[in-house]
């Protein structure tokens, strides 16, 4: 599923990704296996999303970058880190 970068619901997150990113594919598979829903934005298709990723990552287009409903972000997190963050959001 693909959305625009502004789509993030309470308790969910948006994953900024590229089609060729192995780390992105791995994390997506792990999240799917755990039944965790999320939105995906391809930063190559949405230049404004690439700008957001650069802002979060000190000028680098590092993916996967996850942005949560509270505005915080994680770069290349583990499944456990994502689960912990989602638990903290309630």
C-alpha atoms as a PDB file:
ATOM      1  CA  UNK A   1       0.000   0.000   0.000  1.00  0.00           C
ATOM      2  CA  UNK A   2       1.239   3.463  -0.827  1.00  0.00           C
ATOM      3  CA  UNK A   3       0.050   6.808   0.477  1.00  0.00           C
ATOM      4  CA  UNK A   4       1.163  10.381   0.579  1.00  0.00           C
ATOM      5  CA  UNK A   5       3.519  11.319   3.424  1.00  0.00           C
ATOM      6  CA  UNK A   6       0.893  13.213   5.397  1.00  0.00           C
ATOM      7  CA  UNK A   7      -1.150  10.069   6.112  1.00  0.00           C
ATOM      8  CA  UNK A   8      -0.415   8.818   9.604  1.00  0.00           C
ATOM      9  CA  UNK A   9      -3.189   7.681  11.944  1.00  0.00           C
ATOM     10  CA  UNK A  10      -3.046   7.541  15.727  1.00  0.00           C
ATOM     11  CA  UNK A  11      -1.156   4.468  16.899  1.00  0.00           C
ATOM     12  CA  UNK A  12       0.230   3.770  13.453  1.00  0.00           C
ATOM     13  CA  UNK A  13       3.246   4.810  11.492  1.00  0.00           C
ATOM     14  CA  UNK A  14       4.468   5.524   8.008  1.00  0.00           C
ATOM     15  CA  UNK A  15       7.482   3.702   6.609  1.00  0.00           C
ATOM     16  CA  UNK A  16       9.521   5.698   4.114  1.00  0.00           C
ATOM     17  CA  UNK A  17      11.154   3.246   1.768  1.00  0.00           C
ATOM     18  CA  UNK A  18      12.524   2.502  -1.698  1.00  0.00           C
ATOM     19  CA  UNK A  19      11.762  -0.548  -3.865  1.00  0.00           C
ATOM     20  CA  UNK A  20      15.411  -1.674  -3.877  1.00  0.00           C
ATOM     21  CA  UNK A  21      16.083  -1.422  -0.113  1.00  0.00           C
ATOM     22  CA  UNK A  22      16.785  -4.845   1.387  1.00  0.00           C
ATOM     23  CA  UNK A  23      16.437  -3.559   4.961  1.00  0.00           C
ATOM     24  CA  UNK A  24      13.004  -2.167   4.047  1.00  0.00           C
ATOM     25  CA  UNK A  25      11.852  -5.474   2.566  1.00  0.00           C
ATOM     26  CA  UNK A  26      13.027  -7.376   5.636  1.00  0.00           C
ATOM     27  CA  UNK A  27      11.290  -5.051   8.097  1.00  0.00           C
ATOM     28  CA  UNK A  28       8.085  -5.022   6.001  1.00  0.00           C
ATOM     29  CA  UNK A  29       8.039  -8.832   6.033  1.00  0.00           C
ATOM     30  CA  UNK A  30       8.575  -8.954   9.795  1.00  0.00           C
ATOM     31  CA  UNK A  31       5.819  -6.390  10.425  1.00  0.00           C
ATOM     32  CA  UNK A  32       3.409  -8.221   8.102  1.00  0.00           C
ATOM     33  CA  UNK A  33       4.157 -11.519   9.853  1.00  0.00           C
ATOM     34  CA  UNK A  34       3.351  -9.883  13.216  1.00  0.00           C
ATOM     35  CA  UNK A  35       0.114  -8.375  11.878  1.00  0.00           C
ATOM     36  CA  UNK A  36       1.301  -4.790  12.376  1.00  0.00           C
ATOM     37  CA  UNK A  37      -0.343  -2.410   9.919  1.00  0.00           C
ATOM     38  CA  UNK A  38       1.483   0.565   8.481  1.00  0.00           C
ATOM     39  CA  UNK A  39       1.585   2.862   5.494  1.00  0.00           C
ATOM     40  CA  UNK A  40       4.443   2.815   2.988  1.00  0.00           C
ATOM     41  CA  UNK A  41       5.722   5.808   1.036  1.00  0.00           C
ATOM     42  CA  UNK A  42       8.269   5.319  -1.744  1.00  0.00           C
ATOM     43  CA  UNK A  43      10.613   8.295  -1.472  1.00  0.00           C
ATOM     44  CA  UNK A  44      11.595   7.894  -5.123  1.00  0.00           C
ATOM     45  CA  UNK A  45       7.984   8.506  -6.153  1.00  0.00           C
ATOM     46  CA  UNK A  46       7.319  11.330  -3.668  1.00  0.00           C
ATOM     47  CA  UNK A  47      10.072  13.993  -3.596  1.00  0.00           C
ATOM     48  CA  UNK A  48       8.485  15.685  -0.575  1.00  0.00           C
ATOM     49  CA  UNK A  49       8.877  12.404   1.307  1.00  0.00           C
ATOM     50  CA  UNK A  50      12.567  12.281   0.396  1.00  0.00           C
ATOM     51  CA  UNK A  51      12.901  15.784   1.864  1.00  0.00           C
ATOM     52  CA  UNK A  52      11.280  14.619   5.108  1.00  0.00           C
ATOM     53  CA  UNK A  53      13.612  11.607   5.324  1.00  0.00           C
ATOM     54  CA  UNK A  54      16.626  13.876   4.768  1.00  0.00           C
ATOM     55  CA  UNK A  55      15.424  16.226   7.512  1.00  0.00           C
ATOM     56  CA  UNK A  56      15.104  13.362  10.000  1.00  0.00           C
ATOM     57  CA  UNK A  57      18.461  11.822   9.015  1.00  0.00           C
ATOM     58  CA  UNK A  58      20.792  14.832   8.966  1.00  0.00           C
ATOM     59  CA  UNK A  59      20.664  15.263   5.169  1.00  0.00           C
ATOM     60  CA  UNK A  60      20.770  11.559   4.291  1.00  0.00           C
ATOM     61  CA  UNK A  61      18.060   9.618   2.489  1.00  0.00           C
ATOM     62  CA  UNK A  62      18.357   6.654   4.847  1.00  0.00           C
ATOM     63  CA  UNK A  63      15.563   4.079   4.648  1.00  0.00           C
ATOM     64  CA  UNK A  64      13.645   2.574   6.196  1.00  0.00           C
ATOM     65  CA  UNK A  65      12.679   5.631   8.176  1.00  0.00           C
ATOM     66  CA  UNK A  66       9.537   5.257  10.285  1.00  0.00           C
ATOM     67  CA  UNK A  67       7.530   8.271  11.416  1.00  0.00           C
ATOM     68  CA  UNK A  68       4.988   7.680  14.163  1.00  0.00           C
ATOM     69  CA  UNK A  69       1.710   9.384  15.027  1.00  0.00           C
ATOM     70  CA  UNK A  70       3.451  11.379  17.783  1.00  0.00           C
ATOM     71  CA  UNK A  71       5.912  12.870  15.261  1.00  0.00           C
ATOM     72  CA  UNK A  72       8.938  10.862  16.395  1.00  0.00           C
ATOM     73  CA  UNK A  73      11.024   8.858  13.950  1.00  0.00           C
ATOM     74  CA  UNK A  74      13.244   5.788  13.887  1.00  0.00           C
ATOM     75  CA  UNK A  75      15.789   4.947  11.215  1.00  0.00           C
ATOM     76  CA  UNK A  76      16.355   1.298  10.319  1.00  0.00           C
ATOM     77  CA  UNK A  77      14.758   0.030  13.552  1.00  0.00           C
ATOM     78  CA  UNK A  78      14.499  -3.605  14.564  1.00  0.00           C
ATOM     79  CA  UNK A  79      11.111  -5.282  14.855  1.00  0.00           C
ATOM     80  CA  UNK A  80      11.494  -5.156  18.640  1.00  0.00           C
ATOM     81  CA  UNK A  81      12.141  -1.393  18.573  1.00  0.00           C
ATOM     82  CA  UNK A  82       9.010  -0.866  16.477  1.00  0.00           C
ATOM     83  CA  UNK A  83       6.930  -3.035  18.812  1.00  0.00           C
ATOM     84  CA  UNK A  84       8.229  -1.143  21.857  1.00  0.00           C
ATOM     85  CA  UNK A  85       7.440   2.214  20.261  1.00  0.00           C
ATOM     86  CA  UNK A  86       3.929   1.141  19.284  1.00  0.00           C
ATOM     87  CA  UNK A  87       3.339  -0.139  22.840  1.00  0.00           C
ATOM     88  CA  UNK A  88       4.434   3.237  24.232  1.00  0.00           C
ATOM     89  CA  UNK A  89       1.918   4.985  21.974  1.00  0.00           C
ATOM     90  CA  UNK A  90      -0.872   2.855  23.436  1.00  0.00           C
END
